[in-house]
Amino acid sequence: MTETGGVAGDRLRSFVERIERLEEEKAALAADIREIYSEAKGTGFDVKVLRQIVRLRKMDKSDRQEQEQLLDLYMRALDM
């Protein structure tokens, strides 16, 4: 292991290579997700709504309810 200024070169290289490999996997997954949204769009689904549903499903139930209540409050304040 080569050390320069107290930094272990082999260990550092290992971290960098692992990060690079995960970045490649992340890019491949992002491409797969885009393809699924494209497929859904092709069958008539609204992609913006699908993205919103995915975002909402990630949220905790109480956070989601709070956001819905605020949205309702703001819409009523604007007479919508």
N, C-alpha and C. Protein backbone atom coordinates (compact mmCIF):
# COMPACT_ATOMS: atom_id res chain seq x y z
N MET A 1 0.84 -1.16 0.00
CA MET A 1 0.00 0.00 0.00
C MET A 1 0.90 1.24 0.00
N THR A 2 0.71 2.11 -0.96
CA THR A 2 1.50 3.32 -1.06
C THR A 2 0.84 4.43 -0.26
N GLU A 3 1.63 5.09 0.59
CA GLU A 3 1.09 6.18 1.39
C GLU A 3 1.76 7.48 0.99
N THR A 4 0.94 8.49 0.75
CA THR A 4 1.43 9.82 0.41
C THR A 4 0.74 10.80 1.34
N GLY A 5 1.49 11.46 2.15
CA GLY A 5 0.92 12.41 3.09
C GLY A 5 -0.07 11.76 4.04
N GLY A 6 0.17 10.50 4.39
CA GLY A 6 -0.71 9.81 5.32
C GLY A 6 -1.93 9.18 4.67
N VAL A 7 -2.04 9.28 3.34
CA VAL A 7 -3.19 8.71 2.63
C VAL A 7 -2.77 7.40 1.98
N ALA A 8 -3.50 6.34 2.26
CA ALA A 8 -3.20 5.03 1.69
C ALA A 8 -3.75 4.99 0.27
N GLY A 9 -2.88 4.98 -0.73
CA GLY A 9 -3.27 5.03 -2.14
C GLY A 9 -4.17 3.88 -2.55
N ASP A 10 -3.83 2.66 -2.14
CA ASP A 10 -4.63 1.50 -2.53
C ASP A 10 -6.04 1.57 -1.95
N ARG A 11 -6.13 2.00 -0.72
CA ARG A 11 -7.45 2.11 -0.07
C ARG A 11 -8.28 3.20 -0.74
N LEU A 12 -7.64 4.32 -1.04
CA LEU A 12 -8.32 5.43 -1.72
C LEU A 12 -8.81 4.99 -3.09
N ARG A 13 -7.97 4.28 -3.84
CA ARG A 13 -8.33 3.79 -5.16
C ARG A 13 -9.53 2.84 -5.07
N SER A 14 -9.55 2.02 -4.03
CA SER A 14 -10.66 1.10 -3.82
C SER A 14 -11.98 1.87 -3.64
N PHE A 15 -11.95 2.91 -2.83
CA PHE A 15 -13.15 3.72 -2.63
C PHE A 15 -13.60 4.36 -3.94
N VAL A 16 -12.66 4.95 -4.65
CA VAL A 16 -13.00 5.63 -5.91
C VAL A 16 -13.58 4.65 -6.91
N GLU A 17 -12.98 3.48 -7.05
CA GLU A 17 -13.47 2.48 -8.00
C GLU A 17 -14.86 1.97 -7.62
N ARG A 18 -15.10 1.80 -6.33
CA ARG A 18 -16.44 1.37 -5.88
C ARG A 18 -17.48 2.44 -6.19
N ILE A 19 -17.12 3.69 -5.95
CA ILE A 19 -18.04 4.80 -6.26
C ILE A 19 -18.31 4.85 -7.75
N GLU A 20 -17.27 4.73 -8.56
CA GLU A 20 -17.45 4.75 -10.01
C GLU A 20 -18.36 3.63 -10.49
N ARG A 21 -18.17 2.44 -9.94
CA ARG A 21 -18.99 1.30 -10.32
C ARG A 21 -20.47 1.55 -9.96
N LEU A 22 -20.70 2.10 -8.78
CA LEU A 22 -22.08 2.41 -8.37
C LEU A 22 -22.68 3.53 -9.22
N GLU A 23 -21.87 4.51 -9.61
CA GLU A 23 -22.36 5.57 -10.49
C GLU A 23 -22.80 5.00 -11.84
N GLU A 24 -22.04 4.03 -12.35
CA GLU A 24 -22.41 3.36 -13.61
C GLU A 24 -23.73 2.62 -13.44
N GLU A 25 -23.87 1.91 -12.32
CA GLU A 25 -25.12 1.19 -12.06
C GLU A 25 -26.29 2.16 -11.92
N LYS A 26 -26.04 3.29 -11.27
CA LYS A 26 -27.09 4.30 -11.09
C LYS A 26 -27.53 4.84 -12.45
N ALA A 27 -26.59 5.08 -13.35
CA ALA A 27 -26.93 5.58 -14.69
C ALA A 27 -27.74 4.54 -15.45
N ALA A 28 -27.37 3.28 -15.32
CA ALA A 28 -28.11 2.21 -16.00
C ALA A 28 -29.53 2.11 -15.44
N LEU A 29 -29.67 2.23 -14.12
CA LEU A 29 -31.00 2.19 -13.51
C LEU A 29 -31.84 3.38 -13.94
N ALA A 30 -31.24 4.55 -14.02
CA ALA A 30 -31.97 5.75 -14.47
C ALA A 30 -32.47 5.55 -15.90
N ALA A 31 -31.65 4.94 -16.75
CA ALA A 31 -32.07 4.66 -18.12
C ALA A 31 -33.24 3.68 -18.13
N ASP A 32 -33.18 2.67 -17.28
CA ASP A 32 -34.28 1.70 -17.18
C ASP A 32 -35.57 2.37 -16.72
N ILE A 33 -35.46 3.28 -15.76
CA ILE A 33 -36.63 3.99 -15.26
C ILE A 33 -37.23 4.87 -16.36
N ARG A 34 -36.38 5.58 -17.10
CA ARG A 34 -36.87 6.40 -18.22
C ARG A 34 -37.61 5.54 -19.24
N GLU A 35 -37.09 4.36 -19.49
CA GLU A 35 -37.71 3.44 -20.44
C GLU A 35 -39.10 3.01 -19.96
N ILE A 36 -39.23 2.75 -18.67
CA ILE A 36 -40.53 2.35 -18.12
C ILE A 36 -41.53 3.50 -18.22
N TYR A 37 -41.09 4.72 -17.91
CA TYR A 37 -41.99 5.87 -18.05
C TYR A 37 -42.40 6.05 -19.51
N SER A 38 -41.48 5.84 -20.43
CA SER A 38 -41.78 5.95 -21.85
C SER A 38 -42.80 4.90 -22.26
N GLU A 39 -42.63 3.70 -21.76
CA GLU A 39 -43.57 2.61 -22.04
C GLU A 39 -44.96 2.95 -21.50
N ALA A 40 -44.99 3.48 -20.28
CA ALA A 40 -46.28 3.86 -19.67
C ALA A 40 -46.94 4.96 -20.49
N LYS A 41 -46.15 5.92 -20.93
CA LYS A 41 -46.68 7.01 -21.76
C LYS A 41 -47.24 6.46 -23.06
N GLY A 42 -46.55 5.50 -23.64
CA GLY A 42 -46.99 4.88 -24.88
C GLY A 42 -48.32 4.14 -24.76
N THR A 43 -48.64 3.72 -23.54
CA THR A 43 -49.91 3.03 -23.34
C THR A 43 -51.00 3.97 -22.82
N GLY A 44 -50.69 5.28 -22.79
CA GLY A 44 -51.70 6.27 -22.46
C GLY A 44 -51.68 6.83 -21.05
N PHE A 45 -50.72 6.43 -20.23
CA PHE A 45 -50.65 6.97 -18.87
C PHE A 45 -49.95 8.32 -18.87
N ASP A 46 -50.34 9.19 -17.96
CA ASP A 46 -49.74 10.51 -17.81
C ASP A 46 -48.48 10.37 -16.96
N VAL A 47 -47.34 10.64 -17.54
CA VAL A 47 -46.06 10.44 -16.87
C VAL A 47 -45.89 11.39 -15.68
N LYS A 48 -46.36 12.63 -15.81
CA LYS A 48 -46.24 13.57 -14.70
C LYS A 48 -47.01 13.05 -13.48
N VAL A 49 -48.17 12.49 -13.70
CA VAL A 49 -48.97 11.95 -12.60
C VAL A 49 -48.28 10.72 -12.02
N LEU A 50 -47.73 9.86 -12.87
CA LEU A 50 -47.01 8.68 -12.37
C LEU A 50 -45.83 9.09 -11.49
N ARG A 51 -45.08 10.10 -11.92
CA ARG A 51 -43.94 10.58 -11.12
C ARG A 51 -44.42 11.11 -9.77
N GLN A 52 -45.54 11.81 -9.78
CA GLN A 52 -46.09 12.34 -8.54
C GLN A 52 -46.51 11.20 -7.61
N ILE A 53 -47.14 10.18 -8.16
CA ILE A 53 -47.55 9.03 -7.35
C ILE A 53 -46.34 8.34 -6.73
N VAL A 54 -45.29 8.15 -7.52
CA VAL A 54 -44.07 7.52 -7.01
C VAL A 54 -43.49 8.36 -5.87
N ARG A 55 -43.47 9.68 -6.06
CA ARG A 55 -42.94 10.58 -5.03
C ARG A 55 -43.79 10.49 -3.76
N LEU A 56 -45.12 10.48 -3.91
CA LEU A 56 -46.01 10.41 -2.76
C LEU A 56 -45.90 9.08 -2.02
N ARG A 57 -45.72 7.99 -2.76
CA ARG A 57 -45.60 6.67 -2.12
C ARG A 57 -44.32 6.54 -1.29
N LYS A 58 -43.30 7.36 -1.61
CA LYS A 58 -42.06 7.34 -0.84
C LYS A 58 -42.22 8.04 0.50
N MET A 59 -43.22 8.92 0.58
CA MET A 59 -43.40 9.74 1.77
C MET A 59 -44.06 8.95 2.90
N ASP A 60 -43.74 9.35 4.11
CA ASP A 60 -44.42 8.83 5.29
C ASP A 60 -45.88 9.28 5.23
N LYS A 61 -46.77 8.43 5.71
CA LYS A 61 -48.21 8.72 5.63
C LYS A 61 -48.56 10.05 6.27
N SER A 62 -48.00 10.34 7.43
CA SER A 62 -48.33 11.59 8.12
C SER A 62 -47.80 12.80 7.35
N ASP A 63 -46.61 12.69 6.76
CA ASP A 63 -46.07 13.78 5.94
C ASP A 63 -46.94 14.02 4.72
N ARG A 64 -47.39 12.94 4.12
CA ARG A 64 -48.25 13.05 2.93
C ARG A 64 -49.57 13.72 3.29
N GLN A 65 -50.17 13.31 4.42
CA GLN A 65 -51.42 13.92 4.85
C GLN A 65 -51.25 15.40 5.15
N GLU A 66 -50.14 15.75 5.79
CA GLU A 66 -49.87 17.15 6.09
C GLU A 66 -49.75 17.97 4.81
N GLN A 67 -49.05 17.42 3.84
CA GLN A 67 -48.89 18.11 2.56
C GLN A 67 -50.24 18.27 1.86
N GLU A 68 -51.07 17.25 1.89
CA GLU A 68 -52.39 17.32 1.27
C GLU A 68 -53.26 18.36 1.95
N GLN A 69 -53.18 18.44 3.28
CA GLN A 69 -53.95 19.44 4.02
C GLN A 69 -53.50 20.86 3.68
N LEU A 70 -52.19 21.06 3.58
CA LEU A 70 -51.68 22.38 3.21
C LEU A 70 -52.09 22.75 1.79
N LEU A 71 -52.03 21.80 0.89
CA LEU A 71 -52.45 22.05 -0.48
C LEU A 71 -53.92 22.45 -0.52
N ASP A 72 -54.75 21.74 0.23
CA ASP A 72 -56.17 22.05 0.30
C ASP A 72 -56.39 23.45 0.88
N LEU A 73 -55.68 23.78 1.94
CA LEU A 73 -55.78 25.09 2.57
C LEU A 73 -55.41 26.20 1.59
N TYR A 74 -54.30 26.04 0.90
CA TYR A 74 -53.85 27.05 -0.06
C TYR A 74 -54.84 27.20 -1.21
N MET A 75 -55.37 26.08 -1.69
CA MET A 75 -56.32 26.14 -2.79
C MET A 75 -57.61 26.86 -2.37
N ARG A 76 -58.07 26.59 -1.14
CA ARG A 76 -59.26 27.30 -0.65
C ARG A 76 -58.98 28.78 -0.48
N ALA A 77 -57.77 29.12 -0.03
CA ALA A 77 -57.40 30.53 0.14
C ALA A 77 -57.39 31.26 -1.20
N LEU A 78 -57.12 30.52 -2.27
CA LEU A 78 -57.09 31.10 -3.63
C LEU A 78 -58.41 30.89 -4.37
N ASP A 79 -59.43 30.42 -3.65
CA ASP A 79 -60.75 30.15 -4.26
C ASP A 79 -60.65 29.22 -5.46
N MET A 80 -59.91 28.17 -5.29
CA MET A 80 -59.74 27.19 -6.37
C MET A 80 -60.61 25.98 -6.11
